[in-house]
C-alpha atoms as a PDB file:
ATOM      1  CA  MET A   1      -7.215 -19.236  -1.052  1.00  0.00           C
ATOM      2  CA  SER A   2      -6.779 -21.308  -4.203  1.00  0.00           C
ATOM      3  CA  LYS A   3      -3.765 -20.889  -6.469  1.00  0.00           C
ATOM      4  CA  ILE A   4      -4.197 -17.983  -8.828  1.00  0.00           C
ATOM      5  CA  THR A   5      -4.607 -18.710 -12.537  1.00  0.00           C
ATOM      6  CA  ASP A   6      -2.589 -17.199 -15.376  1.00  0.00           C
ATOM      7  CA  SER A   7      -5.641 -15.298 -16.600  1.00  0.00           C
ATOM      8  CA  GLU A   8      -6.191 -13.812 -13.137  1.00  0.00           C
ATOM      9  CA  ILE A   9      -2.534 -12.790 -12.984  1.00  0.00           C
ATOM     10  CA  LYS A  10      -2.818 -11.085 -16.368  1.00  0.00           C
ATOM     11  CA  LYS A  11      -5.968  -9.264 -15.263  1.00  0.00           C
ATOM     12  CA  LEU A  12      -4.285  -8.021 -12.090  1.00  0.00           C
ATOM     13  CA  LYS A  13      -1.192  -6.898 -13.997  1.00  0.00           C
ATOM     14  CA  LEU A  14      -3.381  -4.932 -16.404  1.00  0.00           C
ATOM     15  CA  GLN A  15      -5.266  -3.392 -13.509  1.00  0.00           C
ATOM     16  CA  ALA A  16      -2.007  -2.346 -11.855  1.00  0.00           C
ATOM     17  CA  GLU A  17      -0.769  -0.687 -15.049  1.00  0.00           C
ATOM     18  CA  GLU A  18      -4.033   1.204 -15.494  1.00  0.00           C
ATOM     19  CA  ILE A  19      -3.785   2.381 -11.885  1.00  0.00           C
ATOM     20  CA  ARG A  20      -0.149   3.398 -12.461  1.00  0.00           C
ATOM     21  CA  LYS A  21      -1.232   5.492 -15.434  1.00  0.00           C
ATOM     22  CA  ARG A  22      -3.902   7.252 -13.373  1.00  0.00           C
ATOM     23  CA  VAL A  23      -1.399   7.999 -10.619  1.00  0.00           C
ATOM     24  CA  VAL A  24       0.936   9.696 -13.099  1.00  0.00           C
ATOM     25  CA  GLU A  25      -1.980  11.608 -14.638  1.00  0.00           C
ATOM     26  CA  ILE A  26      -3.361  13.005 -11.393  1.00  0.00           C
ATOM     27  CA  ILE A  27       0.039  13.978  -9.971  1.00  0.00           C
ATOM     28  CA  TYR A  28       1.014  15.717 -13.204  1.00  0.00           C
ATOM     29  CA  SER A  29      -2.329  17.540 -13.307  1.00  0.00           C
ATOM     30  CA  ALA A  30      -2.143  18.523  -9.629  1.00  0.00           C
ATOM     31  CA  LYS A  31       1.514  19.599  -9.933  1.00  0.00           C
ATOM     32  CA  GLY A  32       2.156  17.886  -6.641  1.00  0.00           C
ATOM     33  CA  GLY A  33       2.168  14.515  -4.929  1.00  0.00           C
ATOM     34  CA  HIS A  34       4.344  11.669  -3.726  1.00  0.00           C
ATOM     35  CA  ILE A  35       4.912   9.740  -6.908  1.00  0.00           C
ATOM     36  CA  GLY A  36       7.865   7.506  -5.993  1.00  0.00           C
ATOM     37  CA  GLY A  37       6.245   5.717  -3.070  1.00  0.00           C
ATOM     38  CA  SER A  38       2.871   5.585  -4.802  1.00  0.00           C
ATOM     39  CA  LEU A  39       4.386   3.787  -7.778  1.00  0.00           C
ATOM     40  CA  SER A  40       6.308   1.322  -5.614  1.00  0.00           C
ATOM     41  CA  SER A  41       3.191   0.228  -3.703  1.00  0.00           C
ATOM     42  CA  ILE A  42       0.725  -0.161  -6.583  1.00  0.00           C
ATOM     43  CA  GLU A  43       1.044  -3.938  -6.956  1.00  0.00           C
ATOM     44  CA  ILE A  44       0.522  -4.560  -3.235  1.00  0.00           C
ATOM     45  CA  GLU A  45      -2.584  -2.366  -3.132  1.00  0.00           C
ATOM     46  CA  THR A  46      -3.929  -3.820  -6.375  1.00  0.00           C
ATOM     47  CA  ALA A  47      -3.523  -7.361  -5.041  1.00  0.00           C
ATOM     48  CA  LEU A  48      -5.225  -6.465  -1.765  1.00  0.00           C
ATOM     49  CA  TYR A  49      -8.219  -4.653  -3.246  1.00  0.00           C
ATOM     50  CA  PHE A  50      -8.768  -6.881  -6.273  1.00  0.00           C
ATOM     51  CA  HIS A  51      -7.841 -10.325  -4.958  1.00  0.00           C
ATOM     52  CA  VAL A  52      -7.267 -10.600  -1.217  1.00  0.00           C
ATOM     53  CA  MET A  53      -9.605  -8.428   0.833  1.00  0.00           C
ATOM     54  CA  ASN A  54     -13.274  -8.956   1.609  1.00  0.00           C
ATOM     55  CA  ILE A  55     -14.662  -5.523   0.668  1.00  0.00           C
ATOM     56  CA  ASP A  56     -17.700  -4.151  -1.150  1.00  0.00           C
ATOM     57  CA  PRO A  57     -17.721  -0.684  -2.756  1.00  0.00           C
ATOM     58  CA  ILE A  58     -21.524  -0.758  -2.761  1.00  0.00           C
ATOM     59  CA  ASN A  59     -21.524  -1.308   1.008  1.00  0.00           C
ATOM     60  CA  PRO A  60     -18.205   0.196   2.171  1.00  0.00           C
ATOM     61  CA  GLN A  61     -19.153   0.105   5.858  1.00  0.00           C
ATOM     62  CA  LYS A  62     -20.288  -3.505   6.107  1.00  0.00           C
ATOM     63  CA  THR A  63     -19.302  -4.804   9.503  1.00  0.00           C
ATOM     64  CA  ASP A  64     -17.326  -7.867   8.385  1.00  0.00           C
ATOM     65  CA  ARG A  65     -15.241  -6.017   5.790  1.00  0.00           C
ATOM     66  CA  ASP A  66     -11.483  -6.373   5.897  1.00  0.00           C
ATOM     67  CA  ARG A  67      -9.715  -3.158   6.944  1.00  0.00           C
ATOM     68  CA  PHE A  68      -6.847  -1.502   5.078  1.00  0.00           C
ATOM     69  CA  ILE A  69      -4.731   1.253   6.623  1.00  0.00           C
ATOM     70  CA  LEU A  70      -2.293   3.272   4.513  1.00  0.00           C
ATOM     71  CA  SER A  71       0.108   4.222   7.276  1.00  0.00           C
ATOM     72  CA  LYS A  72       2.446   5.848   4.719  1.00  0.00           C
ATOM     73  CA  GLY A  73      -0.350   8.300   4.018  1.00  0.00           C
ATOM     74  CA  HIS A  74       1.755  10.641   1.912  1.00  0.00           C
ATOM     75  CA  SER A  75       1.511   8.055  -0.899  1.00  0.00           C
ATOM     76  CA  VAL A  76      -2.231   8.607  -1.085  1.00  0.00           C
ATOM     77  CA  GLU A  77      -2.330   8.973  -4.867  1.00  0.00           C
ATOM     78  CA  ALA A  78      -1.999   5.210  -5.366  1.00  0.00           C
ATOM     79  CA  LEU A  79      -4.774   4.573  -2.853  1.00  0.00           C
ATOM     80  CA  TYR A  80      -7.108   7.065  -4.537  1.00  0.00           C
ATOM     81  CA  ALA A  81      -6.483   5.459  -7.926  1.00  0.00           C
ATOM     82  CA  VAL A  82      -7.147   1.995  -6.471  1.00  0.00           C
ATOM     83  CA  LEU A  83     -10.358   3.159  -4.784  1.00  0.00           C
ATOM     84  CA  ALA A  84     -11.571   4.659  -8.050  1.00  0.00           C
ATOM     85  CA  ALA A  85     -10.708   1.516 -10.013  1.00  0.00           C
ATOM     86  CA  LYS A  86     -12.569  -0.608  -7.449  1.00  0.00           C
ATOM     87  CA  GLY A  87     -15.637   1.637  -7.559  1.00  0.00           C
ATOM     88  CA  PHE A  88     -15.488   3.312  -4.147  1.00  0.00           C
ATOM     89  CA  ILE A  89     -15.181   6.764  -5.728  1.00  0.00           C
ATOM     90  CA  PRO A  90     -15.877   7.988  -9.293  1.00  0.00           C
ATOM     91  CA  GLN A  91     -12.970   8.297 -11.717  1.00  0.00           C
ATOM     92  CA  SER A  92     -14.002  11.909 -12.330  1.00  0.00           C
ATOM     93  CA  LEU A  93     -13.246  12.729  -8.697  1.00  0.00           C
ATOM     94  CA  LEU A  94      -9.593  11.806  -9.261  1.00  0.00           C
ATOM     95  CA  ASP A  95      -9.314  14.640 -11.762  1.00  0.00           C
ATOM     96  CA  THR A  96     -10.079  17.154  -8.996  1.00  0.00           C
ATOM     97  CA  TYR A  97      -7.062  16.098  -6.927  1.00  0.00           C
ATOM     98  CA  GLY A  98      -4.931  19.100  -6.026  1.00  0.00           C
ATOM     99  CA  GLN A  99      -7.673  21.589  -6.930  1.00  0.00           C
ATOM    100  CA  PHE A 100      -9.307  24.086  -4.599  1.00  0.00           C
ATOM    101  CA  ASN A 101     -12.194  22.513  -2.640  1.00  0.00           C
ATOM    102  CA  SER A 102     -11.439  19.009  -3.905  1.00  0.00           C
ATOM    103  CA  LYS A 103     -12.833  16.257  -1.694  1.00  0.00           C
ATOM    104  CA  LEU A 104      -9.499  14.452  -2.035  1.00  0.00           C
ATOM    105  CA  ALA A 105      -6.908  15.682   0.439  1.00  0.00           C
ATOM    106  CA  GLY A 106      -3.139  15.233   0.225  1.00  0.00           C
ATOM    107  CA  HIS A 107      -3.376  12.490   2.847  1.00  0.00           C
ATOM    108  CA  PRO A 108      -6.173   9.944   3.366  1.00  0.00           C
ATOM    109  CA  THR A 109      -9.247  11.064   5.305  1.00  0.00           C
ATOM    110  CA  LYS A 110     -12.338   9.099   6.296  1.00  0.00           C
ATOM    111  CA  LYS A 111     -14.427  11.508   4.256  1.00  0.00           C
ATOM    112  CA  THR A 112     -13.350   9.431   1.254  1.00  0.00           C
ATOM    113  CA  PRO A 113     -15.353   6.169   0.880  1.00  0.00           C
ATOM    114  CA  GLY A 114     -13.113   3.160   1.473  1.00  0.00           C
ATOM    115  CA  VAL A 115     -10.649   5.007   3.731  1.00  0.00           C
ATOM    116  CA  GLU A 116     -10.511   3.602   7.270  1.00  0.00           C
ATOM    117  CA  LEU A 117      -8.156   6.101   8.935  1.00  0.00           C
ATOM    118  CA  ASN A 118      -6.977   9.688   8.625  1.00  0.00           C
ATOM    119  CA  SER A 119      -3.292   8.905   8.164  1.00  0.00           C
ATOM    120  CA  GLY A 120      -0.059  10.616   7.281  1.00  0.00           C
ATOM    121  CA  ALA A 121       1.496  11.219  10.689  1.00  0.00           C
ATOM    122  CA  LEU A 122       4.036   8.435  10.262  1.00  0.00           C
ATOM    123  CA  GLY A 123       4.196   5.649  12.809  1.00  0.00           C
ATOM    124  CA  HIS A 124       0.512   5.702  13.777  1.00  0.00           C
ATOM    125  CA  GLY A 125      -1.018   3.223  11.348  1.00  0.00           C
ATOM    126  CA  LEU A 126       0.178   0.005  12.946  1.00  0.00           C
ATOM    127  CA  SER A 127      -1.006   1.097  16.396  1.00  0.00           C
ATOM    128  CA  VAL A 128      -4.503   1.734  15.037  1.00  0.00           C
ATOM    129  CA  GLY A 129      -4.335  -1.557  13.155  1.00  0.00           C
ATOM    130  CA  VAL A 130      -3.549  -3.342  16.425  1.00  0.00           C
ATOM    131  CA  GLY A 131      -6.629  -1.740  17.963  1.00  0.00           C
ATOM    132  CA  MET A 132      -8.802  -2.842  15.055  1.00  0.00           C
ATOM    133  CA  ALA A 133      -7.457  -6.388  15.258  1.00  0.00           C
ATOM    134  CA  ILE A 134      -8.089  -6.526  19.004  1.00  0.00           C
ATOM    135  CA  GLY A 135     -11.609  -5.223  18.370  1.00  0.00           C
ATOM    136  CA  ALA A 136     -12.229  -8.026  15.890  1.00  0.00           C
ATOM    137  CA  LYS A 137     -11.081 -10.595  18.446  1.00  0.00           C
ATOM    138  CA  MET A 138     -13.294  -9.111  21.167  1.00  0.00           C
ATOM    139  CA  SER A 139     -16.371  -9.051  18.937  1.00  0.00           C
ATOM    140  CA  LYS A 140     -15.583 -12.472  17.450  1.00  0.00           C
ATOM    141  CA  SER A 141     -15.586 -10.923  13.986  1.00  0.00           C
ATOM    142  CA  THR A 142     -13.829 -12.574  11.052  1.00  0.00           C
ATOM    143  CA  PHE A 143     -12.410  -9.416   9.466  1.00  0.00           C
ATOM    144  CA  ARG A 144      -8.688  -9.006   8.976  1.00  0.00           C
ATOM    145  CA  THR A 145      -6.650  -5.814   9.200  1.00  0.00           C
ATOM    146  CA  PHE A 146      -3.915  -4.942   6.697  1.00  0.00           C
ATOM    147  CA  VAL A 147      -1.466  -2.082   7.355  1.00  0.00           C
ATOM    148  CA  LEU A 148       0.899  -0.753   4.692  1.00  0.00           C
ATOM    149  CA  MET A 149       3.922   1.107   6.078  1.00  0.00           C
ATOM    150  CA  GLY A 150       6.902   2.762   4.453  1.00  0.00           C
ATOM    151  CA  ASP A 151      10.430   1.614   5.185  1.00  0.00           C
ATOM    152  CA  GLY A 152      11.529   5.139   6.102  1.00  0.00           C
ATOM    153  CA  GLU A 153       8.635   5.110   8.547  1.00  0.00           C
ATOM    154  CA  GLN A 154      10.340   2.315  10.484  1.00  0.00           C
ATOM    155  CA  GLY A 155      12.369   4.926  12.347  1.00  0.00           C
ATOM    156  CA  GLU A 156       9.240   5.740  14.397  1.00  0.00           C
ATOM    157  CA  GLY A 157       9.408   4.142  17.832  1.00  0.00           C
ATOM    158  CA  SER A 158       5.638   3.740  18.112  1.00  0.00           C
ATOM    159  CA  ILE A 159       5.825   1.022  15.455  1.00  0.00           C
ATOM    160  CA  TYR A 160       7.788  -1.235  17.779  1.00  0.00           C
ATOM    161  CA  GLU A 161       5.426  -0.653  20.696  1.00  0.00           C
ATOM    162  CA  ALA A 162       2.627  -1.740  18.368  1.00  0.00           C
ATOM    163  CA  ALA A 163       4.677  -4.725  17.216  1.00  0.00           C
ATOM    164  CA  MET A 164       5.116  -5.852  20.829  1.00  0.00           C
ATOM    165  CA  SER A 165       1.407  -5.427  21.531  1.00  0.00           C
ATOM    166  CA  ALA A 166       0.371  -7.384  18.432  1.00  0.00           C
ATOM    167  CA  SER A 167       2.486 -10.332  19.491  1.00  0.00           C
ATOM    168  CA  HIS A 168       1.352 -10.138  23.108  1.00  0.00           C
ATOM    169  CA  TYR A 169      -2.320 -10.216  22.130  1.00  0.00           C
ATOM    170  CA  LYS A 170      -1.751 -12.995  19.557  1.00  0.00           C
ATOM    171  CA  LEU A 171      -3.213 -10.986  16.689  1.00  0.00           C
ATOM    172  CA  ASP A 172      -3.109 -13.532  13.892  1.00  0.00           C
ATOM    173  CA  ASN A 173      -5.798 -11.456  12.133  1.00  0.00           C
ATOM    174  CA  LEU A 174      -3.290  -8.621  11.570  1.00  0.00           C
ATOM    175  CA  VAL A 175      -1.003  -8.328   8.536  1.00  0.00           C
ATOM    176  CA  ALA A 176       1.577  -5.542   8.343  1.00  0.00           C
ATOM    177  CA  ILE A 177       3.369  -4.797   5.084  1.00  0.00           C
ATOM    178  CA  ILE A 178       6.551  -2.766   4.684  1.00  0.00           C
ATOM    179  CA  ASP A 179       7.122  -1.117   1.301  1.00  0.00           C
ATOM    180  CA  ARG A 180      10.853  -1.844   1.258  1.00  0.00           C
ATOM    181  CA  ASN A 181      11.996   0.416  -1.591  1.00  0.00           C
ATOM    182  CA  THR A 182      15.159   1.390   0.405  1.00  0.00           C
ATOM    183  CA  LEU A 183      14.693   5.150  -0.180  1.00  0.00           C
ATOM    184  CA  GLN A 184      13.099   7.931   1.825  1.00  0.00           C
ATOM    185  CA  ILE A 185      12.873  11.671   1.328  1.00  0.00           C
ATOM    186  CA  SER A 186      16.412  12.303   2.577  1.00  0.00           C
ATOM    187  CA  GLY A 187      18.174   9.399   0.853  1.00  0.00           C
ATOM    188  CA  LYS A 188      18.889   5.722   1.424  1.00  0.00           C
ATOM    189  CA  THR A 189      17.194   4.257   4.470  1.00  0.00           C
ATOM    190  CA  GLU A 190      20.354   2.457   5.586  1.00  0.00           C
ATOM    191  CA  THR A 191      22.219   5.779   5.601  1.00  0.00           C
ATOM    192  CA  VAL A 192      19.511   7.766   7.367  1.00  0.00           C
ATOM    193  CA  MET A 193      18.626   5.105   9.958  1.00  0.00           C
ATOM    194  CA  ALA A 194      19.717   1.518   9.403  1.00  0.00           C
ATOM    195  CA  LEU A 195      16.799  -0.939   9.404  1.00  0.00           C
ATOM    196  CA  GLU A 196      18.564  -4.238   8.882  1.00  0.00           C
ATOM    197  CA  PRO A 197      18.362  -6.983   9.938  1.00  0.00           C
ATOM    198  CA  MET A 198      14.653  -6.292   9.384  1.00  0.00           C
ATOM    199  CA  ARG A 199      13.419  -9.865   9.232  1.00  0.00           C
ATOM    200  CA  GLU A 200      15.219 -10.973  12.384  1.00  0.00           C
ATOM    201  CA  ARG A 201      14.052  -7.892  14.262  1.00  0.00           C
ATOM    202  CA  TRP A 202      10.376  -8.601  13.597  1.00  0.00           C
ATOM    203  CA  GLU A 203      10.768 -12.299  14.266  1.00  0.00           C
ATOM    204  CA  ALA A 204      12.263 -11.374  17.631  1.00  0.00           C
ATOM    205  CA  PHE A 205       9.065  -9.447  18.349  1.00  0.00           C
ATOM    206  CA  GLY A 206       7.120 -12.678  17.797  1.00  0.00           C
ATOM    207  CA  TRP A 207       5.858 -12.088  14.253  1.00  0.00           C
ATOM    208  CA  GLU A 208       5.692 -14.479  11.320  1.00  0.00           C
ATOM    209  CA  VAL A 209       7.737 -12.832   8.567  1.00  0.00           C
ATOM    210  CA  PHE A 210       7.428 -13.304   4.810  1.00  0.00           C
ATOM    211  CA  GLU A 211       9.380 -11.640   2.019  1.00  0.00           C
ATOM    212  CA  VAL A 212       7.978 -10.934  -1.446  1.00  0.00           C
ATOM    213  CA  LYS A 213       8.987  -9.334  -4.706  1.00  0.00           C
ATOM    214  CA  GLY A 214       6.693  -6.398  -4.121  1.00  0.00           C
ATOM    215  CA  ASN A 215       6.285  -5.364  -7.752  1.00  0.00           C
ATOM    216  CA  ASP A 216       5.469  -8.924  -8.854  1.00  0.00           C
ATOM    217  CA  ILE A 217       1.720  -9.556  -8.693  1.00  0.00           C
ATOM    218  CA  GLU A 218       2.049 -13.335  -8.857  1.00  0.00           C
ATOM    219  CA  ASP A 219       4.521 -13.518  -5.979  1.00  0.00           C
ATOM    220  CA  ILE A 220       2.361 -11.168  -3.905  1.00  0.00           C
ATOM    221  CA  VAL A 221      -0.926 -13.039  -4.315  1.00  0.00           C
ATOM    222  CA  ASN A 222       0.710 -16.444  -3.851  1.00  0.00           C
ATOM    223  CA  THR A 223       2.240 -15.233  -0.586  1.00  0.00           C
ATOM    224  CA  PHE A 224      -1.070 -13.873   0.676  1.00  0.00           C
ATOM    225  CA  GLY A 225      -2.597 -17.185  -0.345  1.00  0.00           C
ATOM    226  CA  VAL A 226      -0.483 -19.183   2.110  1.00  0.00           C
ATOM    227  CA  LEU A 227      -1.009 -16.962   5.149  1.00  0.00           C
ATOM    228  CA  ASN A 228      -2.517 -18.848   8.082  1.00  0.00           C
ATOM    229  CA  TYR A 229      -4.831 -16.723  10.222  1.00  0.00           C
ATOM    230  CA  SER A 230      -4.960 -19.191  13.110  1.00  0.00           C
ATOM    231  CA  THR A 231      -1.330 -19.295  14.265  1.00  0.00           C
ATOM    232  CA  GLU A 232      -1.772 -16.825  17.158  1.00  0.00           C
ATOM    233  CA  LYS A 233       0.991 -14.730  15.564  1.00  0.00           C
ATOM    234  CA  PRO A 234       0.721 -11.453  13.641  1.00  0.00           C
ATOM    235  CA  LYS A 235       2.193 -11.461  10.152  1.00  0.00           C
ATOM    236  CA  LEU A 236       4.703  -9.130   8.496  1.00  0.00           C
ATOM    237  CA  ILE A 237       5.326  -9.018   4.756  1.00  0.00           C
ATOM    238  CA  ILE A 238       8.548  -7.329   3.683  1.00  0.00           C
ATOM    239  CA  SER A 239       7.712  -6.147   0.187  1.00  0.00           C
ATOM    240  CA  HIS A 240      10.929  -5.588  -1.767  1.00  0.00           C
ATOM    241  CA  THR A 241      10.036  -2.876  -4.272  1.00  0.00           C
ATOM    242  CA  THR A 242      11.566  -0.224  -6.510  1.00  0.00           C
ATOM    243  CA  LYS A 243      10.859   3.404  -5.761  1.00  0.00           C
ATOM    244  CA  GLY A 244       9.210   4.922  -8.836  1.00  0.00           C
ATOM    245  CA  ASN A 245       8.526   1.455 -10.209  1.00  0.00           C
ATOM    246  CA  GLY A 246       7.324   1.288 -13.801  1.00  0.00           C
ATOM    247  CA  ILE A 247       8.768   4.611 -14.968  1.00  0.00           C
ATOM    248  CA  SER A 248      12.351   4.001 -16.071  1.00  0.00           C
ATOM    249  CA  PHE A 249      13.732   7.481 -15.371  1.00  0.00           C
ATOM    250  CA  MET A 250      12.123   7.597 -11.910  1.00  0.00           C
ATOM    251  CA  GLU A 251      13.201   4.192 -10.654  1.00  0.00           C
ATOM    252  CA  ASN A 252      15.553   4.169  -7.644  1.00  0.00           C
ATOM    253  CA  GLY A 253      15.703   7.958  -7.519  1.00  0.00           C
ATOM    254  CA  ALA A 254      15.212   9.619  -4.128  1.00  0.00           C
ATOM    255  CA  LYS A 255      14.352  12.915  -5.855  1.00  0.00           C
ATOM    256  CA  TRP A 256      11.112  11.312  -7.057  1.00  0.00           C
ATOM    257  CA  HIS A 257       9.884  10.857  -3.495  1.00  0.00           C
ATOM    258  CA  HIS A 258       7.623  13.827  -4.176  1.00  0.00           C
ATOM    259  CA  GLY A 259       8.804  14.908  -7.621  1.00  0.00           C
ATOM    260  CA  VAL A 260       6.451  16.079 -10.350  1.00  0.00           C
ATOM    261  CA  PRO A 261       7.220  15.223 -13.979  1.00  0.00           C
ATOM    262  CA  ALA A 262       7.680  18.024 -16.510  1.00  0.00           C
ATOM    263  CA  GLU A 263       5.590  17.916 -19.678  1.00  0.00           C
ATOM    264  CA  GLN A 264       7.951  15.755 -21.734  1.00  0.00           C
ATOM    265  CA  GLN A 265       8.648  13.482 -18.772  1.00  0.00           C
ATOM    266  CA  TYR A 266       4.918  13.061 -18.306  1.00  0.00           C
ATOM    267  CA  LYS A 267       4.476  12.100 -21.954  1.00  0.00           C
ATOM    268  CA  ASP A 268       7.379   9.661 -21.765  1.00  0.00           C
ATOM    269  CA  ALA A 269       5.982   8.076 -18.608  1.00  0.00           C
ATOM    270  CA  ILE A 270       2.511   7.606 -20.101  1.00  0.00           C
ATOM    271  CA  CYS A 271       4.066   6.152 -23.247  1.00  0.00           C
ATOM    272  CA  GLU A 272       6.015   3.571 -21.222  1.00  0.00           C
ATOM    273  CA  ILE A 273       2.897   2.470 -19.379  1.00  0.00           C
ATOM    274  CA  GLU A 274       0.743   2.317 -22.499  1.00  0.00           C
ATOM    275  CA  GLU A 275       3.336   0.142 -24.234  1.00  0.00           C
ATOM    276  CA  ARG A 276       3.148  -2.379 -21.390  1.00  0.00           C
ATOM    277  CA  ILE A 277      -0.651  -2.268 -21.450  1.00  0.00           C
ATOM    278  CA  LYS A 278      -0.617  -3.101 -25.179  1.00  0.00           C
ATOM    279  CA  LYS A 279       1.566  -6.146 -24.510  1.00  0.00           C
ATOM    280  CA  LEU A 280      -0.831  -7.393 -21.836  1.00  0.00           C
END
């Protein structure tokens, strides 16, 4: 992948801010949702869907498409906003989120175009991603599998069984990403269940490990650009992010794991985002 240009960076930043605005809008309208983790993962998902992955919203089931699994399925609002921005689903469908009989559930389901896995039971996504990556190897397909996990999710033992398997089967077509915002529903991850040393742990499992500033589009796409898919090693990206990123009063607050803004907070949040959009 060639080095990204300044104009491409600007376009991706603008796209991420527009997605952030939609996330705030649909959660406020629905009066429910996981806003903190959705906001922290927007740049990663924007980079994947608009720069990295081989996907086609007109043909969402094409056989050589790259696969994306949102293992931290509770943060589905960001994924829905990304899918709408990419053209997999209409923008009008987002406005039904949280309403009776909406086609958009509170966790991803394969009924939604562009969704590869019914997720939300934490710890399952990487195991399924390993299976997809093995399937690609067996069928000699070129598609890659990307799995986005939460850092609180790392307490699930099944993740480490999957990590062992990925290394054993030399799945260099598999990329796992950890949204390392350091907070989960019950507080700081290092208080609830210490995860460090994260890098050394995954390297010990036989993975190539990269660390990125996970709310910095340029750092994200440049890191994806140097990944080598012929090393016989799976890849892990530790994405250092801020929970509630982009909304000043939500940032680094565990209460915003699934908080819903009040009316004035909603207006303030939209104002912050729109000011950044104007500057872009």
